[in-house]
């Protein structure tokens, strides 16, 4: 049997969309969410060390834009398993030609897509429906001392959120805007 994944490049170098190829029959389907062997070309020696699950009840809610500094910088594999989200990655790699540019994908369970976000990107999402659930696979553990974030409302990012932002946590809304001296993170 051939690969159960199609790896699709996005306009930002390193950022990928992973199309999962399900096997369907009269009962429904089976899909492989992850396979280290089949995805070795994008893992490049990394391993999944943590899996997180989020639930967001409200349509129009925003979470993010989170990242971790090295040595805890992480690659994330993000899949929507319920609802619909506008999933955003912002390039914060020092010296990148697409520094502070963002790319978004709409993720739903029925599209069979996983957004692959490498180290050096901030990540967040907006819920487009009520009752959204995301599954995240991480290549580094969470480290409180390495965590940081960009403010999702920062005008410098020019993110075009598809809905009015109806809910954002106090923590996420208190992240500072990008200072002129921010040069990104060195990997």
N, C-alpha and C. Protein backbone atom coordinates (compact mmCIF):
# COMPACT_ATOMS: atom_id res chain seq x y z
N UNK A 1 0.84 -1.18 0.00
CA UNK A 1 0.00 0.00 0.00
C UNK A 1 0.89 1.24 0.00
N UNK A 2 0.49 2.27 -0.69
CA UNK A 2 1.24 3.52 -0.77
C UNK A 2 1.15 4.32 0.51
N UNK A 3 1.73 5.48 0.47
CA UNK A 3 1.74 6.35 1.64
C UNK A 3 0.33 6.77 2.03
N UNK A 4 0.12 6.95 3.30
CA UNK A 4 -1.18 7.39 3.82
C UNK A 4 -1.21 8.90 4.01
N UNK A 5 -0.15 9.58 3.47
CA UNK A 5 -0.04 11.03 3.63
C UNK A 5 0.45 11.67 2.34
N UNK A 6 -0.06 12.85 2.09
CA UNK A 6 0.48 13.70 1.04
C UNK A 6 1.01 14.95 1.73
N UNK A 7 2.26 15.29 1.48
CA UNK A 7 2.89 16.47 2.11
C UNK A 7 2.82 17.62 1.11
N UNK A 8 2.16 18.71 1.51
CA UNK A 8 1.93 19.85 0.63
C UNK A 8 2.66 21.07 1.19
N UNK A 9 3.44 21.74 0.36
CA UNK A 9 4.15 22.95 0.79
C UNK A 9 3.20 24.13 0.81
N UNK A 10 3.48 25.09 1.67
CA UNK A 10 2.72 26.34 1.73
C UNK A 10 3.62 27.45 1.18
N UNK A 11 3.12 28.68 1.08
CA UNK A 11 3.96 29.78 0.59
C UNK A 11 5.12 30.15 1.51
N UNK A 12 5.11 29.66 2.76
CA UNK A 12 6.21 29.96 3.69
C UNK A 12 7.07 28.71 3.85
N UNK A 13 8.35 28.85 3.56
CA UNK A 13 9.30 27.74 3.62
C UNK A 13 9.25 27.03 4.97
N UNK A 14 9.14 25.71 4.92
CA UNK A 14 9.15 24.90 6.13
C UNK A 14 7.77 24.59 6.68
N UNK A 15 6.80 25.42 6.38
CA UNK A 15 5.43 25.24 6.85
C UNK A 15 4.72 24.30 5.88
N UNK A 16 4.11 23.24 6.40
CA UNK A 16 3.52 22.21 5.53
C UNK A 16 2.08 21.92 5.92
N UNK A 17 1.35 21.43 4.94
CA UNK A 17 0.02 20.88 5.17
C UNK A 17 0.12 19.40 4.87
N UNK A 18 -0.33 18.61 5.78
CA UNK A 18 -0.29 17.16 5.65
C UNK A 18 -1.70 16.68 5.34
N UNK A 19 -1.88 16.10 4.17
CA UNK A 19 -3.18 15.56 3.77
C UNK A 19 -3.20 14.08 4.13
N UNK A 20 -4.05 13.73 5.08
CA UNK A 20 -4.19 12.33 5.49
C UNK A 20 -5.11 11.62 4.48
N UNK A 21 -4.75 10.42 4.07
CA UNK A 21 -5.53 9.68 3.08
C UNK A 21 -6.24 8.53 3.79
N UNK A 22 -7.56 8.68 4.03
CA UNK A 22 -8.28 7.64 4.76
C UNK A 22 -8.61 6.43 3.88
N UNK A 23 -8.87 5.33 4.54
CA UNK A 23 -9.39 4.14 3.87
C UNK A 23 -10.88 4.08 4.22
N UNK A 24 -11.71 4.12 3.19
CA UNK A 24 -13.16 4.14 3.37
C UNK A 24 -13.77 2.80 2.99
N UNK A 25 -14.83 2.45 3.69
CA UNK A 25 -15.67 1.33 3.27
C UNK A 25 -17.08 1.61 3.79
N UNK A 26 -17.97 0.64 3.66
CA UNK A 26 -19.38 0.86 4.01
C UNK A 26 -19.58 1.20 5.49
N UNK A 27 -18.61 0.87 6.35
CA UNK A 27 -18.73 1.15 7.78
C UNK A 27 -18.31 2.56 8.15
N UNK A 28 -17.51 3.19 7.29
CA UNK A 28 -16.95 4.50 7.59
C UNK A 28 -15.54 4.59 7.07
N UNK A 29 -14.60 4.97 7.92
CA UNK A 29 -13.21 5.10 7.47
C UNK A 29 -12.24 4.89 8.61
N UNK A 30 -10.99 4.66 8.21
CA UNK A 30 -9.87 4.62 9.12
C UNK A 30 -8.83 5.58 8.56
N UNK A 31 -8.31 6.46 9.41
CA UNK A 31 -7.26 7.35 8.95
C UNK A 31 -6.09 7.28 9.91
N UNK A 32 -4.92 7.36 9.36
CA UNK A 32 -3.71 7.39 10.17
C UNK A 32 -3.43 8.86 10.48
N UNK A 33 -3.37 9.22 11.76
CA UNK A 33 -3.09 10.59 12.15
C UNK A 33 -1.60 10.90 12.12
N UNK A 34 -0.78 9.88 12.36
CA UNK A 34 0.66 10.10 12.42
C UNK A 34 1.37 8.79 12.18
N UNK A 35 2.52 8.86 11.51
CA UNK A 35 3.39 7.70 11.34
C UNK A 35 4.81 8.22 11.22
N UNK A 36 5.63 7.95 12.24
CA UNK A 36 6.99 8.45 12.26
C UNK A 36 7.78 8.01 11.02
N UNK A 37 7.60 6.77 10.63
CA UNK A 37 8.33 6.25 9.46
C UNK A 37 7.93 6.97 8.18
N UNK A 38 6.63 7.10 7.93
CA UNK A 38 6.16 7.74 6.70
C UNK A 38 6.44 9.25 6.68
N UNK A 39 6.57 9.86 7.84
CA UNK A 39 6.78 11.30 7.91
C UNK A 39 8.23 11.66 8.26
N UNK A 40 9.13 10.71 8.11
CA UNK A 40 10.53 10.95 8.47
C UNK A 40 11.15 12.10 7.69
N UNK A 41 10.69 12.35 6.47
CA UNK A 41 11.27 13.43 5.67
C UNK A 41 10.99 14.81 6.27
N UNK A 42 9.88 14.97 6.97
CA UNK A 42 9.63 16.27 7.60
C UNK A 42 10.01 16.27 9.09
N UNK A 43 10.04 15.11 9.70
CA UNK A 43 10.49 15.03 11.10
C UNK A 43 11.99 15.25 11.22
N UNK A 44 12.73 14.77 10.24
CA UNK A 44 14.18 14.98 10.19
C UNK A 44 14.86 14.67 11.53
N UNK A 45 14.56 13.48 12.06
CA UNK A 45 15.18 13.04 13.30
C UNK A 45 14.45 13.43 14.57
N UNK A 46 13.41 14.27 14.48
CA UNK A 46 12.64 14.65 15.65
C UNK A 46 11.68 13.50 16.03
N UNK A 47 11.19 13.54 17.25
CA UNK A 47 10.23 12.54 17.72
C UNK A 47 9.10 13.26 18.45
N UNK A 48 7.92 12.69 18.38
CA UNK A 48 6.79 13.23 19.13
C UNK A 48 6.99 12.88 20.59
N UNK A 49 6.97 13.89 21.47
CA UNK A 49 7.20 13.66 22.90
C UNK A 49 6.00 14.08 23.76
N UNK A 50 5.04 14.77 23.15
CA UNK A 50 3.88 15.23 23.92
C UNK A 50 2.69 15.37 22.99
N UNK A 51 1.51 15.00 23.47
CA UNK A 51 0.27 15.16 22.71
C UNK A 51 -0.71 15.93 23.58
N UNK A 52 -1.27 17.01 23.03
CA UNK A 52 -2.24 17.84 23.75
C UNK A 52 -3.56 17.88 23.00
N UNK A 53 -4.62 18.09 23.73
CA UNK A 53 -5.97 18.16 23.19
C UNK A 53 -6.62 19.42 23.74
N UNK A 54 -7.17 20.27 22.86
CA UNK A 54 -7.87 21.46 23.34
C UNK A 54 -9.34 21.39 22.94
N UNK A 55 -10.15 22.00 23.77
CA UNK A 55 -11.58 22.17 23.49
C UNK A 55 -11.89 23.64 23.67
N UNK A 56 -12.57 24.22 22.69
CA UNK A 56 -13.00 25.62 22.77
C UNK A 56 -14.49 25.65 22.46
N UNK A 57 -15.29 26.15 23.38
CA UNK A 57 -16.74 26.09 23.28
C UNK A 57 -17.34 27.15 22.36
N UNK A 58 -16.71 28.32 22.30
CA UNK A 58 -17.34 29.48 21.67
C UNK A 58 -16.85 29.75 20.26
N UNK A 59 -17.76 30.01 19.35
CA UNK A 59 -17.43 30.44 17.99
C UNK A 59 -16.82 31.85 18.07
N UNK A 60 -15.76 32.10 17.31
CA UNK A 60 -15.12 33.41 17.30
C UNK A 60 -14.03 33.58 18.35
N UNK A 61 -13.77 32.54 19.14
CA UNK A 61 -12.72 32.61 20.15
C UNK A 61 -11.35 32.49 19.48
N UNK A 62 -10.35 33.16 20.06
CA UNK A 62 -8.97 33.08 19.57
C UNK A 62 -8.09 32.55 20.69
N UNK A 63 -7.20 31.62 20.32
CA UNK A 63 -6.15 31.13 21.21
C UNK A 63 -4.82 31.40 20.53
N UNK A 64 -3.85 31.85 21.32
CA UNK A 64 -2.50 32.03 20.76
C UNK A 64 -2.11 33.49 20.68
N UNK A 65 -1.02 33.72 20.11
CA UNK A 65 -0.12 33.02 19.21
C UNK A 65 1.11 32.56 19.99
N UNK A 66 1.18 31.28 20.31
CA UNK A 66 2.18 30.74 21.24
C UNK A 66 3.39 30.15 20.54
N UNK A 67 4.53 30.18 21.25
CA UNK A 67 5.75 29.52 20.81
C UNK A 67 6.65 29.28 22.01
N UNK A 68 7.70 28.50 21.82
CA UNK A 68 8.71 28.27 22.85
C UNK A 68 10.08 28.60 22.28
N UNK A 69 10.91 29.21 23.12
CA UNK A 69 12.30 29.51 22.74
C UNK A 69 13.14 28.24 22.81
N UNK A 70 14.21 28.18 21.96
CA UNK A 70 15.17 27.07 22.07
C UNK A 70 15.77 27.05 23.48
N UNK A 71 16.11 25.91 24.00
CA UNK A 71 16.15 24.61 23.32
C UNK A 71 14.82 23.87 23.36
N UNK A 72 13.73 24.52 23.72
CA UNK A 72 12.42 23.89 23.78
C UNK A 72 11.53 24.26 22.60
N UNK A 73 12.12 24.89 21.57
CA UNK A 73 11.35 25.18 20.36
C UNK A 73 10.80 23.85 19.84
N UNK A 74 9.59 23.89 19.30
CA UNK A 74 8.91 22.65 18.97
C UNK A 74 8.27 22.70 17.59
N UNK A 75 8.24 21.55 16.96
CA UNK A 75 7.42 21.35 15.77
C UNK A 75 6.08 20.86 16.27
N UNK A 76 5.00 21.36 15.66
CA UNK A 76 3.65 20.94 16.04
C UNK A 76 2.94 20.35 14.83
N UNK A 77 2.19 19.29 15.07
CA UNK A 77 1.28 18.71 14.09
C UNK A 77 -0.12 18.99 14.64
N UNK A 78 -0.90 19.84 13.97
CA UNK A 78 -2.19 20.29 14.50
C UNK A 78 -3.32 19.76 13.61
N UNK A 79 -4.25 19.03 14.23
CA UNK A 79 -5.41 18.49 13.52
C UNK A 79 -6.68 18.89 14.25
N UNK A 80 -7.70 19.23 13.50
CA UNK A 80 -9.02 19.54 14.07
C UNK A 80 -9.82 18.24 14.06
N UNK A 81 -10.30 17.84 15.23
CA UNK A 81 -11.07 16.60 15.32
C UNK A 81 -12.56 16.85 15.57
N UNK A 82 -12.92 18.14 15.75
CA UNK A 82 -14.33 18.51 15.89
C UNK A 82 -14.46 20.00 15.61
N UNK A 83 -15.46 20.38 14.84
CA UNK A 83 -15.69 21.79 14.53
C UNK A 83 -14.89 22.26 13.33
N UNK A 84 -14.59 23.55 13.31
CA UNK A 84 -13.84 24.17 12.21
C UNK A 84 -13.04 25.34 12.77
N UNK A 85 -11.75 25.39 12.41
CA UNK A 85 -10.89 26.46 12.91
C UNK A 85 -10.08 27.09 11.78
N UNK A 86 -9.73 28.35 12.00
CA UNK A 86 -8.81 29.11 11.16
C UNK A 86 -7.48 29.05 11.90
N UNK A 87 -6.57 28.21 11.42
CA UNK A 87 -5.33 27.91 12.12
C UNK A 87 -4.19 28.74 11.52
N UNK A 88 -3.46 29.47 12.35
CA UNK A 88 -2.49 30.46 11.89
C UNK A 88 -1.09 30.15 12.41
N UNK A 89 -0.10 30.29 11.52
CA UNK A 89 1.31 30.20 11.90
C UNK A 89 2.01 31.46 11.43
N UNK A 90 2.79 32.08 12.33
CA UNK A 90 3.53 33.31 12.02
C UNK A 90 5.01 32.99 12.08
N UNK A 91 5.73 33.33 11.01
CA UNK A 91 7.17 33.08 10.93
C UNK A 91 7.91 34.08 11.83
N UNK A 92 8.59 33.55 12.84
CA UNK A 92 9.39 34.42 13.73
C UNK A 92 10.85 33.98 13.74
N UNK A 93 11.27 33.33 12.66
CA UNK A 93 12.67 32.88 12.55
C UNK A 93 13.57 34.07 12.23
N UNK A 94 14.56 34.28 13.05
CA UNK A 94 15.50 35.38 12.84
C UNK A 94 16.16 35.23 11.47
N UNK A 95 16.13 36.31 10.68
CA UNK A 95 16.76 36.33 9.37
C UNK A 95 15.94 35.69 8.25
N UNK A 96 14.75 35.19 8.55
CA UNK A 96 13.92 34.56 7.53
C UNK A 96 13.41 35.59 6.53
N UNK A 97 13.38 35.26 5.23
CA UNK A 97 12.83 36.20 4.25
C UNK A 97 11.33 36.43 4.42
N UNK A 98 10.67 35.56 5.19
CA UNK A 98 9.23 35.73 5.44
C UNK A 98 8.97 36.07 6.92
N UNK A 99 9.95 36.69 7.56
CA UNK A 99 9.82 37.08 8.97
C UNK A 99 8.56 37.90 9.19
N UNK A 100 7.77 37.51 10.18
CA UNK A 100 6.50 38.11 10.60
C UNK A 100 5.38 37.96 9.57
N UNK A 101 5.58 37.15 8.54
CA UNK A 101 4.50 36.81 7.62
C UNK A 101 3.73 35.64 8.22
N UNK A 102 2.46 35.57 7.91
CA UNK A 102 1.63 34.50 8.45
C UNK A 102 0.97 33.72 7.32
N UNK A 103 0.60 32.51 7.65
CA UNK A 103 -0.16 31.66 6.73
C UNK A 103 -1.21 30.95 7.57
N UNK A 104 -2.40 30.80 7.01
CA UNK A 104 -3.48 30.12 7.74
C UNK A 104 -4.09 29.03 6.88
N UNK A 105 -4.61 28.03 7.56
CA UNK A 105 -5.35 26.95 6.94
C UNK A 105 -6.65 26.77 7.73
N UNK A 106 -7.73 26.50 7.03
CA UNK A 106 -8.97 26.12 7.70
C UNK A 106 -8.92 24.62 7.89
N UNK A 107 -9.06 24.20 9.14
CA UNK A 107 -9.01 22.78 9.47
C UNK A 107 -10.38 22.31 9.96
N UNK A 108 -10.80 21.16 9.45
CA UNK A 108 -12.03 20.49 9.89
C UNK A 108 -11.74 19.00 9.95
N UNK A 109 -12.56 18.22 10.65
CA UNK A 109 -12.34 16.77 10.66
C UNK A 109 -12.49 16.15 9.27
N UNK A 110 -13.40 16.67 8.47
CA UNK A 110 -13.71 16.05 7.18
C UNK A 110 -12.71 16.40 6.08
N UNK A 111 -11.78 17.34 6.32
CA UNK A 111 -10.79 17.65 5.28
C UNK A 111 -9.55 16.78 5.39
N UNK A 112 -9.41 16.06 6.52
CA UNK A 112 -8.28 15.14 6.73
C UNK A 112 -6.93 15.84 6.64
N UNK A 113 -6.86 17.10 7.08
CA UNK A 113 -5.60 17.85 7.01
C UNK A 113 -4.99 18.03 8.39
N UNK A 114 -3.66 18.06 8.41
CA UNK A 114 -2.88 18.39 9.59
C UNK A 114 -1.95 19.52 9.20
N UNK A 115 -1.91 20.57 9.99
CA UNK A 115 -1.01 21.70 9.75
C UNK A 115 0.28 21.38 10.48
N UNK A 116 1.38 21.35 9.75
CA UNK A 116 2.69 21.03 10.32
C UNK A 116 3.46 22.33 10.48
N UNK A 117 3.69 22.71 11.73
CA UNK A 117 4.29 24.00 12.07
C UNK A 117 5.64 23.75 12.71
N UNK A 118 6.73 24.10 12.02
CA UNK A 118 8.06 23.81 12.57
C UNK A 118 8.48 24.82 13.64
N UNK A 119 9.63 24.55 14.24
CA UNK A 119 10.22 25.47 15.18
C UNK A 119 10.39 26.84 14.51
N UNK A 120 10.27 27.90 15.30
CA UNK A 120 10.44 29.23 14.75
C UNK A 120 9.16 29.86 14.25
N UNK A 121 8.04 29.30 14.63
CA UNK A 121 6.73 29.87 14.26
C UNK A 121 5.89 30.03 15.52
N UNK A 122 5.13 31.11 15.58
CA UNK A 122 4.11 31.28 16.62
C UNK A 122 2.82 30.69 16.05
N UNK A 123 2.02 30.09 16.91
CA UNK A 123 0.81 29.40 16.45
C UNK A 123 -0.41 29.82 17.26
N UNK A 124 -1.52 29.97 16.56
CA UNK A 124 -2.80 30.24 17.20
C UNK A 124 -3.94 29.89 16.27
N UNK A 125 -5.15 30.03 16.76
CA UNK A 125 -6.30 29.73 15.91
C UNK A 125 -7.53 30.50 16.37
N UNK A 126 -8.49 30.60 15.44
CA UNK A 126 -9.81 31.14 15.76
C UNK A 126 -10.85 30.07 15.44
N UNK A 127 -11.79 29.88 16.34
CA UNK A 127 -12.86 28.92 16.11
C UNK A 127 -13.90 29.52 15.17
N UNK A 128 -14.28 28.75 14.17
CA UNK A 128 -15.29 29.20 13.20
C UNK A 128 -16.65 28.60 13.50
N UNK A 129 -16.68 27.62 14.40
CA UNK A 129 -17.92 27.02 14.87
C UNK A 129 -17.84 26.88 16.38
N UNK A 130 -18.94 26.54 17.00
CA UNK A 130 -18.92 26.21 18.42
C UNK A 130 -18.34 24.81 18.58
N UNK A 131 -17.89 24.51 19.78
CA UNK A 131 -17.44 23.17 20.16
C UNK A 131 -16.33 22.63 19.26
N UNK A 132 -15.19 23.30 19.30
CA UNK A 132 -14.03 22.89 18.49
C UNK A 132 -13.02 22.14 19.35
N UNK A 133 -12.47 21.08 18.76
CA UNK A 133 -11.42 20.32 19.43
C UNK A 133 -10.24 20.15 18.49
N UNK A 134 -9.05 20.40 19.03
CA UNK A 134 -7.81 20.23 18.28
C UNK A 134 -6.94 19.21 18.98
N UNK A 135 -6.19 18.47 18.19
CA UNK A 135 -5.21 17.53 18.68
C UNK A 135 -3.85 18.01 18.20
N UNK A 136 -2.91 18.20 19.15
CA UNK A 136 -1.57 18.69 18.85
C UNK A 136 -0.55 17.61 19.19
N UNK A 137 0.36 17.34 18.26
CA UNK A 137 1.51 16.48 18.54
C UNK A 137 2.73 17.39 18.57
N UNK A 138 3.54 17.29 19.61
CA UNK A 138 4.68 18.19 19.82
C UNK A 138 5.99 17.41 19.83
N UNK A 139 7.06 18.04 19.30
CA UNK A 139 8.38 17.42 19.31
C UNK A 139 9.23 17.88 20.49
N UNK A 140 8.70 18.71 21.35
CA UNK A 140 9.39 19.14 22.57
C UNK A 140 8.35 19.26 23.68
N UNK A 141 8.74 19.00 24.91
CA UNK A 141 7.79 19.14 26.01
C UNK A 141 7.55 20.61 26.32
N UNK A 142 6.41 20.87 26.95
CA UNK A 142 6.13 22.22 27.42
C UNK A 142 7.14 22.60 28.49
N UNK A 143 7.64 23.84 28.39
CA UNK A 143 8.56 24.35 29.40
C UNK A 143 8.14 25.78 29.73
N UNK A 144 7.67 25.98 30.94
CA UNK A 144 7.15 27.28 31.36
C UNK A 144 8.17 28.40 31.16
N UNK A 145 9.44 28.13 31.42
CA UNK A 145 10.47 29.17 31.30
C UNK A 145 10.80 29.51 29.85
N UNK A 146 10.44 28.64 28.91
CA UNK A 146 10.74 28.88 27.49
C UNK A 146 9.54 29.39 26.72
N UNK A 147 8.36 29.40 27.34
CA UNK A 147 7.15 29.79 26.61
C UNK A 147 7.10 31.30 26.37
N UNK A 148 6.48 31.66 25.26
CA UNK A 148 6.24 33.06 24.95
C UNK A 148 5.10 33.12 23.94
N UNK A 149 4.75 34.33 23.54
CA UNK A 149 3.65 34.49 22.59
C UNK A 149 3.69 35.87 21.95
N UNK A 150 3.07 35.94 20.81
CA UNK A 150 2.79 37.21 20.16
C UNK A 150 1.33 37.54 20.47
N UNK A 151 0.98 38.81 20.44
CA UNK A 151 -0.39 39.21 20.66
C UNK A 151 -1.17 39.04 19.36
N UNK A 152 -2.25 38.28 19.41
CA UNK A 152 -3.05 37.99 18.21
C UNK A 152 -3.65 39.25 17.60
N UNK A 153 -3.72 40.33 18.36
CA UNK A 153 -4.31 41.58 17.86
C UNK A 153 -3.25 42.58 17.39
N UNK A 154 -2.00 42.16 17.37
CA UNK A 154 -0.91 43.06 16.98
C UNK A 154 -1.09 43.52 15.52
N UNK A 155 -1.24 44.83 15.33
CA UNK A 155 -1.45 45.40 13.99
C UNK A 155 -0.28 45.12 13.06
N UNK A 156 0.91 44.98 13.62
CA UNK A 156 2.09 44.73 12.79
C UNK A 156 1.99 43.39 12.04
N UNK A 157 1.27 42.44 12.60
CA UNK A 157 1.12 41.13 11.97
C UNK A 157 0.10 41.15 10.83
N UNK A 158 -0.86 42.04 10.90
CA UNK A 158 -1.90 42.18 9.88
C UNK A 158 -2.65 40.87 9.63
N UNK A 159 -2.94 40.14 10.70
CA UNK A 159 -3.71 38.90 10.54
C UNK A 159 -5.17 39.27 10.28
N UNK A 160 -5.71 38.68 9.25
CA UNK A 160 -7.10 38.90 8.89
C UNK A 160 -7.94 37.78 9.50
N UNK A 161 -8.35 37.98 10.74
CA UNK A 161 -9.18 36.98 11.40
C UNK A 161 -10.53 36.96 10.69
N UNK A 162 -11.07 35.79 10.36
CA UNK A 162 -12.30 35.73 9.57
C UNK A 162 -13.56 36.20 10.30
N UNK A 163 -13.55 36.15 11.62
CA UNK A 163 -14.71 36.57 12.41
C UNK A 163 -14.28 37.64 13.41
N UNK A 164 -15.21 38.44 13.89
CA UNK A 164 -14.87 39.31 15.01
C UNK A 164 -14.39 38.43 16.17
N UNK A 165 -13.39 38.90 16.89
CA UNK A 165 -12.88 38.12 18.02
C UNK A 165 -13.83 38.32 19.19
N UNK A 166 -14.56 37.26 19.51
CA UNK A 166 -15.59 37.33 20.54
C UNK A 166 -15.08 36.90 21.91
N UNK A 167 -13.96 36.16 21.91
CA UNK A 167 -13.43 35.69 23.18
C UNK A 167 -11.93 35.44 23.02
N UNK A 168 -11.18 35.92 24.01
CA UNK A 168 -9.74 35.67 24.08
C UNK A 168 -9.39 35.69 25.56
N UNK A 169 -8.50 34.84 25.98
CA UNK A 169 -8.18 34.78 27.40
C UNK A 169 -7.46 36.06 27.84
N UNK A 170 -7.55 36.34 29.12
CA UNK A 170 -6.83 37.49 29.68
C UNK A 170 -5.33 37.33 29.44
N UNK A 171 -4.85 36.11 29.61
CA UNK A 171 -3.43 35.83 29.39
C UNK A 171 -3.01 36.14 27.94
N UNK A 172 -3.79 35.63 26.97
CA UNK A 172 -3.44 35.85 25.56
C UNK A 172 -3.57 37.32 25.16
N UNK A 173 -4.57 38.00 25.67
CA UNK A 173 -4.75 39.41 25.31
C UNK A 173 -3.72 40.31 25.97
N UNK A 174 -3.05 39.81 27.01
CA UNK A 174 -2.04 40.63 27.70
C UNK A 174 -0.63 40.46 27.13
N UNK A 175 -0.46 39.58 26.15
CA UNK A 175 0.87 39.45 25.54
C UNK A 175 1.22 40.78 24.87
N UNK A 176 2.47 41.22 25.00
CA UNK A 176 2.84 42.52 24.43
C UNK A 176 2.84 42.50 22.90
N UNK A 177 2.69 43.68 22.33
CA UNK A 177 2.85 43.82 20.88
C UNK A 177 4.33 43.73 20.56
N UNK A 178 4.64 43.43 19.32
CA UNK A 178 6.02 43.25 18.89
C UNK A 178 6.75 44.59 18.96
N UNK A 179 7.88 44.58 19.63
CA UNK A 179 8.69 45.80 19.72
C UNK A 179 9.53 45.94 18.46
N UNK A 180 9.90 47.16 18.10
CA UNK A 180 10.75 47.36 16.92
C UNK A 180 12.09 46.63 17.02
N UNK A 181 12.53 46.30 18.23
CA UNK A 181 13.81 45.63 18.39
C UNK A 181 13.71 44.10 18.27
N UNK A 182 12.49 43.55 18.15
CA UNK A 182 12.32 42.10 18.04
C UNK A 182 12.86 41.62 16.71
N UNK A 183 13.87 40.75 16.75
CA UNK A 183 14.49 40.23 15.54
C UNK A 183 14.13 38.78 15.29
N UNK A 184 13.31 38.21 16.12
CA UNK A 184 12.93 36.81 15.96
C UNK A 184 13.74 35.90 16.84
N UNK A 185 13.55 34.61 16.63
CA UNK A 185 14.29 33.63 17.42
C UNK A 185 15.30 32.91 16.54
N UNK A 186 16.48 32.75 17.06
CA UNK A 186 17.54 32.02 16.37
C UNK A 186 17.40 30.55 16.70
N UNK A 187 17.44 29.74 15.70
CA UNK A 187 17.29 28.29 15.90
C UNK A 187 18.62 27.58 15.79
